[in-house]
Amino acid sequence: MTTGGHIWMYEALHLTEISRAYDNSMDKEGVVRSDYSTNETHVADRQIIRMMLALPDLVLIRGEMY
């Protein structure tokens, strides 16, 4: 799924999870890392939620193909 300059793939969601966890963590000074680590102001949650909701159908479709 793409939006703007971003792309999310099922095969790379584990990397997305790690980076989002890093962005939401705090550094030693108590500053949330997303304030300076990325441009995390975009709305990624909706796209990722849609991908998760589509997983059951995707599994069925890919299962029929192989």
PDB file of N, CA and C in Angstrom:
ATOM      1  N   MET A   1       0.850  -1.164   0.000  1.00  0.00           N
ATOM      2  CA  MET A   1       0.000   0.000   0.000  1.00  0.00           C
ATOM      3  C   MET A   1       0.896   1.227   0.000  1.00  0.00           C
ATOM      4  N   THR A   2       0.589   2.191  -0.827  1.00  0.00           N
ATOM      5  CA  THR A   2       1.387   3.412  -0.887  1.00  0.00           C
ATOM      6  C   THR A   2       0.532   4.621  -0.573  1.00  0.00           C
ATOM      7  N   THR A   3       1.166   5.627  -0.040  1.00  0.00           N
ATOM      8  CA  THR A   3       0.520   6.908   0.180  1.00  0.00           C
ATOM      9  C   THR A   3       1.614   7.961   0.207  1.00  0.00           C
ATOM     10  N   GLY A   4       1.450   8.998  -0.573  1.00  0.00           N
ATOM     11  CA  GLY A   4       2.485  10.027  -0.626  1.00  0.00           C
ATOM     12  C   GLY A   4       3.816   9.422  -1.030  1.00  0.00           C
ATOM     13  N   GLY A   5       4.826   9.616  -0.221  1.00  0.00           N
ATOM     14  CA  GLY A   5       6.143   9.055  -0.500  1.00  0.00           C
ATOM     15  C   GLY A   5       6.453   7.835   0.337  1.00  0.00           C
ATOM     16  N   HIS A   6       5.428   7.170   0.850  1.00  0.00           N
ATOM     17  CA  HIS A   6       5.629   6.039   1.753  1.00  0.00           C
ATOM     18  C   HIS A   6       5.064   4.767   1.146  1.00  0.00           C
ATOM     19  N   ILE A   7       5.679   3.658   1.488  1.00  0.00           N
ATOM     20  CA  ILE A   7       5.179   2.353   1.037  1.00  0.00           C
ATOM     21  C   ILE A   7       5.260   1.382   2.207  1.00  0.00           C
ATOM     22  N   TRP A   8       4.205   0.608   2.362  1.00  0.00           N
ATOM     23  CA  TRP A   8       4.183  -0.442   3.375  1.00  0.00           C
ATOM     24  C   TRP A   8       3.942  -1.761   2.672  1.00  0.00           C
ATOM     25  N   MET A   9       4.748  -2.760   3.025  1.00  0.00           N
ATOM     26  CA  MET A   9       4.611  -4.092   2.444  1.00  0.00           C
ATOM     27  C   MET A   9       4.441  -5.092   3.582  1.00  0.00           C
ATOM     28  N   TYR A  10       3.645  -6.128   3.334  1.00  0.00           N
ATOM     29  CA  TYR A  10       3.448  -7.148   4.358  1.00  0.00           C
ATOM     30  C   TYR A  10       4.775  -7.778   4.767  1.00  0.00           C
ATOM     31  N   GLU A  11       5.672  -7.938   3.792  1.00  0.00           N
ATOM     32  CA  GLU A  11       6.942  -8.593   4.061  1.00  0.00           C
ATOM     33  C   GLU A  11       7.874  -7.747   4.918  1.00  0.00           C
ATOM     34  N   ALA A  12       7.583  -6.460   5.074  1.00  0.00           N
ATOM     35  CA  ALA A  12       8.465  -5.566   5.827  1.00  0.00           C
ATOM     36  C   ALA A  12       7.782  -4.939   7.041  1.00  0.00           C
ATOM     37  N   LEU A  13       6.615  -5.432   7.413  1.00  0.00           N
ATOM     38  CA  LEU A  13       5.914  -4.826   8.555  1.00  0.00           C
ATOM     39  C   LEU A  13       6.663  -5.008   9.871  1.00  0.00           C
ATOM     40  N   HIS A  14       7.497  -6.042   9.967  1.00  0.00           N
ATOM     41  CA  HIS A  14       8.281  -6.201  11.192  1.00  0.00           C
ATOM     42  C   HIS A  14       9.264  -5.038  11.352  1.00  0.00           C
ATOM     43  N   LEU A  15       9.769  -4.503  10.258  1.00  0.00           N
ATOM     44  CA  LEU A  15      10.647  -3.335  10.325  1.00  0.00           C
ATOM     45  C   LEU A  15       9.854  -2.079  10.671  1.00  0.00           C
ATOM     46  N   THR A  16       8.646  -1.982  10.158  1.00  0.00           N
ATOM     47  CA  THR A  16       7.779  -0.859  10.494  1.00  0.00           C
ATOM     48  C   THR A  16       7.462  -0.870  11.983  1.00  0.00           C
ATOM     49  N   GLU A  17       7.213  -2.049  12.531  1.00  0.00           N
ATOM     50  CA  GLU A  17       6.918  -2.168  13.958  1.00  0.00           C
ATOM     51  C   GLU A  17       8.094  -1.683  14.800  1.00  0.00           C
ATOM     52  N   ILE A  18       9.292  -2.060  14.418  1.00  0.00           N
ATOM     53  CA  ILE A  18      10.484  -1.649  15.171  1.00  0.00           C
ATOM     54  C   ILE A  18      10.669  -0.136  15.107  1.00  0.00           C
ATOM     55  N   SER A  19      10.532   0.441  13.917  1.00  0.00           N
ATOM     56  CA  SER A  19      10.746   1.883  13.786  1.00  0.00           C
ATOM     57  C   SER A  19       9.661   2.680  14.504  1.00  0.00           C
ATOM     58  N   ARG A  20       8.422   2.191  14.470  1.00  0.00           N
ATOM     59  CA  ARG A  20       7.351   2.899  15.178  1.00  0.00           C
ATOM     60  C   ARG A  20       7.528   2.793  16.686  1.00  0.00           C
ATOM     61  N   ALA A  21       8.018   1.660  17.171  1.00  0.00           N
ATOM     62  CA  ALA A  21       8.294   1.529  18.601  1.00  0.00           C
ATOM     63  C   ALA A  21       9.413   2.488  19.013  1.00  0.00           C
ATOM     64  N   TYR A  22      10.445   2.602  18.168  1.00  0.00           N
ATOM     65  CA  TYR A  22      11.532   3.542  18.453  1.00  0.00           C
ATOM     66  C   TYR A  22      11.000   4.975  18.484  1.00  0.00           C
ATOM     67  N   ASP A  23      10.184   5.338  17.508  1.00  0.00           N
ATOM     68  CA  ASP A  23       9.650   6.698  17.447  1.00  0.00           C
ATOM     69  C   ASP A  23       8.815   7.040  18.675  1.00  0.00           C
ATOM     70  N   ASN A  24       8.139   6.062  19.249  1.00  0.00           N
ATOM     71  CA  ASN A  24       7.277   6.319  20.410  1.00  0.00           C
ATOM     72  C   ASN A  24       8.002   6.209  21.739  1.00  0.00           C
ATOM     73  N   SER A  25       9.273   5.812  21.723  1.00  0.00           N
ATOM     74  CA  SER A  25      10.028   5.701  22.973  1.00  0.00           C
ATOM     75  C   SER A  25      10.633   7.058  23.344  1.00  0.00           C
ATOM     76  N   MET A  26      11.142   7.131  24.562  1.00  0.00           N
ATOM     77  CA  MET A  26      11.741   8.377  25.042  1.00  0.00           C
ATOM     78  C   MET A  26      13.254   8.220  25.156  1.00  0.00           C
ATOM     79  N   ASP A  27      13.960   9.320  24.912  1.00  0.00           N
ATOM     80  CA  ASP A  27      15.406   9.289  25.080  1.00  0.00           C
ATOM     81  C   ASP A  27      15.762   9.561  26.539  1.00  0.00           C
ATOM     82  N   LYS A  28      17.058   9.697  26.829  1.00  0.00           N
ATOM     83  CA  LYS A  28      17.519   9.885  28.216  1.00  0.00           C
ATOM     84  C   LYS A  28      16.991  11.172  28.843  1.00  0.00           C
ATOM     85  N   GLU A  29      16.731  12.178  28.014  1.00  0.00           N
ATOM     86  CA  GLU A  29      16.231  13.453  28.534  1.00  0.00           C
ATOM     87  C   GLU A  29      14.708  13.472  28.669  1.00  0.00           C
ATOM     88  N   GLY A  30      14.042  12.389  28.321  1.00  0.00           N
ATOM     89  CA  GLY A  30      12.590  12.323  28.422  1.00  0.00           C
ATOM     90  C   GLY A  30      11.851  12.890  27.227  1.00  0.00           C
ATOM     91  N   VAL A  31      12.557  13.105  26.128  1.00  0.00           N
ATOM     92  CA  VAL A  31      11.942  13.633  24.905  1.00  0.00           C
ATOM     93  C   VAL A  31      11.509  12.456  24.033  1.00  0.00           C
ATOM     94  N   VAL A  32      10.290  12.516  23.539  1.00  0.00           N
ATOM     95  CA  VAL A  32       9.807  11.464  22.641  1.00  0.00           C
ATOM     96  C   VAL A  32      10.615  11.538  21.345  1.00  0.00           C
ATOM     97  N   ARG A  33      11.158  10.409  20.919  1.00  0.00           N
ATOM     98  CA  ARG A  33      12.079  10.394  19.781  1.00  0.00           C
ATOM     99  C   ARG A  33      11.431  10.825  18.460  1.00  0.00           C
ATOM    100  N   SER A  34      10.142  10.660  18.338  1.00  0.00           N
ATOM    101  CA  SER A  34       9.498  11.074  17.078  1.00  0.00           C
ATOM    102  C   SER A  34       9.561  12.584  16.885  1.00  0.00           C
ATOM    103  N   ASP A  35       9.867  13.329  17.940  1.00  0.00           N
ATOM    104  CA  ASP A  35      10.013  14.779  17.796  1.00  0.00           C
ATOM    105  C   ASP A  35      11.207  15.135  16.915  1.00  0.00           C
ATOM    106  N   TYR A  36      12.197  14.238  16.828  1.00  0.00           N
ATOM    107  CA  TYR A  36      13.386  14.550  16.034  1.00  0.00           C
ATOM    108  C   TYR A  36      13.874  13.419  15.139  1.00  0.00           C
ATOM    109  N   SER A  37      13.316  12.213  15.264  1.00  0.00           N
ATOM    110  CA  SER A  37      13.871  11.084  14.503  1.00  0.00           C
ATOM    111  C   SER A  37      13.251  10.920  13.116  1.00  0.00           C
ATOM    112  N   THR A  38      11.979  11.241  12.945  1.00  0.00           N
ATOM    113  CA  THR A  38      11.321  11.075  11.646  1.00  0.00           C
ATOM    114  C   THR A  38      10.312  12.187  11.427  1.00  0.00           C
ATOM    115  N   ASN A  39       9.691  12.145  10.273  1.00  0.00           N
ATOM    116  CA  ASN A  39       8.566  13.049  10.003  1.00  0.00           C
ATOM    117  C   ASN A  39       7.272  12.278  10.253  1.00  0.00           C
ATOM    118  N   GLU A  40       7.097  11.782  11.450  1.00  0.00           N
ATOM    119  CA  GLU A  40       6.042  10.844  11.789  1.00  0.00           C
ATOM    120  C   GLU A  40       4.660  11.499  11.892  1.00  0.00           C
ATOM    121  N   THR A  41       4.519  12.705  11.425  1.00  0.00           N
ATOM    122  CA  THR A  41       3.223  13.378  11.538  1.00  0.00           C
ATOM    123  C   THR A  41       2.197  12.849  10.549  1.00  0.00           C
ATOM    124  N   HIS A  42       2.618  12.074   9.559  1.00  0.00           N
ATOM    125  CA  HIS A  42       1.660  11.518   8.610  1.00  0.00           C
ATOM    126  C   HIS A  42       0.789  10.462   9.285  1.00  0.00           C
ATOM    127  N   VAL A  43      -0.312  10.127   8.665  1.00  0.00           N
ATOM    128  CA  VAL A  43      -1.265   9.193   9.260  1.00  0.00           C
ATOM    129  C   VAL A  43      -0.998   7.787   8.715  1.00  0.00           C
ATOM    130  N   ALA A  44      -0.089   7.076   9.356  1.00  0.00           N
ATOM    131  CA  ALA A  44       0.244   5.713   8.935  1.00  0.00           C
ATOM    132  C   ALA A  44      -0.726   4.705   9.540  1.00  0.00           C
ATOM    133  N   ASP A  45      -1.312   5.035  10.656  1.00  0.00           N
ATOM    134  CA  ASP A  45      -2.150   4.075  11.373  1.00  0.00           C
ATOM    135  C   ASP A  45      -3.281   3.526  10.512  1.00  0.00           C
ATOM    136  N   ARG A  46      -3.940   4.393   9.781  1.00  0.00           N
ATOM    137  CA  ARG A  46      -5.090   3.936   8.979  1.00  0.00           C
ATOM    138  C   ARG A  46      -4.669   2.931   7.917  1.00  0.00           C
ATOM    139  N   GLN A  47      -3.559   3.204   7.244  1.00  0.00           N
ATOM    140  CA  GLN A  47      -3.111   2.285   6.206  1.00  0.00           C
ATOM    141  C   GLN A  47      -2.691   0.941   6.803  1.00  0.00           C
ATOM    142  N   ILE A  48      -2.001   0.970   7.916  1.00  0.00           N
ATOM    143  CA  ILE A  48      -1.560  -0.271   8.549  1.00  0.00           C
ATOM    144  C   ILE A  48      -2.759  -1.061   9.069  1.00  0.00           C
ATOM    145  N   ILE A  49      -3.739  -0.374   9.636  1.00  0.00           N
ATOM    146  CA  ILE A  49      -4.953  -1.048  10.100  1.00  0.00           C
ATOM    147  C   ILE A  49      -5.684  -1.693   8.926  1.00  0.00           C
ATOM    148  N   ARG A  50      -5.770  -0.994   7.809  1.00  0.00           N
ATOM    149  CA  ARG A  50      -6.421  -1.571   6.627  1.00  0.00           C
ATOM    150  C   ARG A  50      -5.684  -2.817   6.146  1.00  0.00           C
ATOM    151  N   MET A  51      -4.374  -2.771   6.196  1.00  0.00           N
ATOM    152  CA  MET A  51      -3.593  -3.946   5.787  1.00  0.00           C
ATOM    153  C   MET A  51      -3.881  -5.129   6.712  1.00  0.00           C
ATOM    154  N   MET A  52      -3.969  -4.871   8.005  1.00  0.00           N
ATOM    155  CA  MET A  52      -4.244  -5.950   8.956  1.00  0.00           C
ATOM    156  C   MET A  52      -5.647  -6.514   8.760  1.00  0.00           C
ATOM    157  N   LEU A  53      -6.614  -5.645   8.466  1.00  0.00           N
ATOM    158  CA  LEU A  53      -7.973  -6.116   8.222  1.00  0.00           C
ATOM    159  C   LEU A  53      -8.064  -6.953   6.946  1.00  0.00           C
ATOM    160  N   ALA A  54      -7.190  -6.685   5.998  1.00  0.00           N
ATOM    161  CA  ALA A  54      -7.203  -7.424   4.732  1.00  0.00           C
ATOM    162  C   ALA A  54      -6.459  -8.751   4.814  1.00  0.00           C
ATOM    163  N   LEU A  55      -5.733  -9.002   5.893  1.00  0.00           N
ATOM    164  CA  LEU A  55      -4.925 -10.228   5.994  1.00  0.00           C
ATOM    165  C   LEU A  55      -5.714 -11.523   5.817  1.00  0.00           C
ATOM    166  N   PRO A  56      -6.871 -11.697   6.453  1.00  0.00           N
ATOM    167  CA  PRO A  56      -7.593 -12.962   6.257  1.00  0.00           C
ATOM    168  C   PRO A  56      -7.919 -13.241   4.792  1.00  0.00           C
ATOM    169  N   ASP A  57      -8.379 -12.226   4.071  1.00  0.00           N
ATOM    170  CA  ASP A  57      -8.671 -12.410   2.649  1.00  0.00           C
ATOM    171  C   ASP A  57      -7.411 -12.664   1.846  1.00  0.00           C
ATOM    172  N   LEU A  58      -6.350 -11.979   2.203  1.00  0.00           N
ATOM    173  CA  LEU A  58      -5.082 -12.161   1.495  1.00  0.00           C
ATOM    174  C   LEU A  58      -4.563 -13.589   1.659  1.00  0.00           C
ATOM    175  N   VAL A  59      -4.685 -14.121   2.850  1.00  0.00           N
ATOM    176  CA  VAL A  59      -4.245 -15.500   3.095  1.00  0.00           C
ATOM    177  C   VAL A  59      -5.052 -16.470   2.242  1.00  0.00           C
ATOM    178  N   LEU A  60      -6.364 -16.263   2.158  1.00  0.00           N
ATOM    179  CA  LEU A  60      -7.204 -17.132   1.331  1.00  0.00           C
ATOM    180  C   LEU A  60      -6.831 -17.027  -0.150  1.00  0.00           C
ATOM    181  N   ILE A  61      -6.632 -15.812  -0.629  1.00  0.00           N
ATOM    182  CA  ILE A  61      -6.295 -15.609  -2.035  1.00  0.00           C
ATOM    183  C   ILE A  61      -4.941 -16.222  -2.361  1.00  0.00           C
ATOM    184  N   ARG A  62      -3.933 -15.968  -1.537  1.00  0.00           N
ATOM    185  CA  ARG A  62      -2.599 -16.522  -1.795  1.00  0.00           C
ATOM    186  C   ARG A  62      -2.598 -18.032  -1.644  1.00  0.00           C
ATOM    187  N   GLY A  63      -3.432 -18.563  -0.771  1.00  0.00           N
ATOM    188  CA  GLY A  63      -3.526 -20.006  -0.610  1.00  0.00           C
ATOM    189  C   GLY A  63      -4.095 -20.691  -1.833  1.00  0.00           C
ATOM    190  N   GLU A  64      -5.033 -20.015  -2.502  1.00  0.00           N
ATOM    191  CA  GLU A  64      -5.632 -20.583  -3.720  1.00  0.00           C
ATOM    192  C   GLU A  64      -4.662 -20.527  -4.893  1.00  0.00           C
ATOM    193  N   MET A  65      -3.736 -19.565  -4.872  1.00  0.00           N
ATOM    194  CA  MET A  65      -2.814 -19.394  -5.981  1.00  0.00           C
ATOM    195  C   MET A  65      -1.718 -20.479  -5.990  1.00  0.00           C
ATOM    196  N   TYR A  66      -1.362 -20.998  -4.838  1.00  0.00           N
ATOM    197  CA  TYR A  66      -0.232 -21.930  -4.772  1.00  0.00           C
ATOM    198  C   TYR A  66      -0.682 -23.343  -4.595  1.00  0.00           C
TER     199      TYR A  66
END
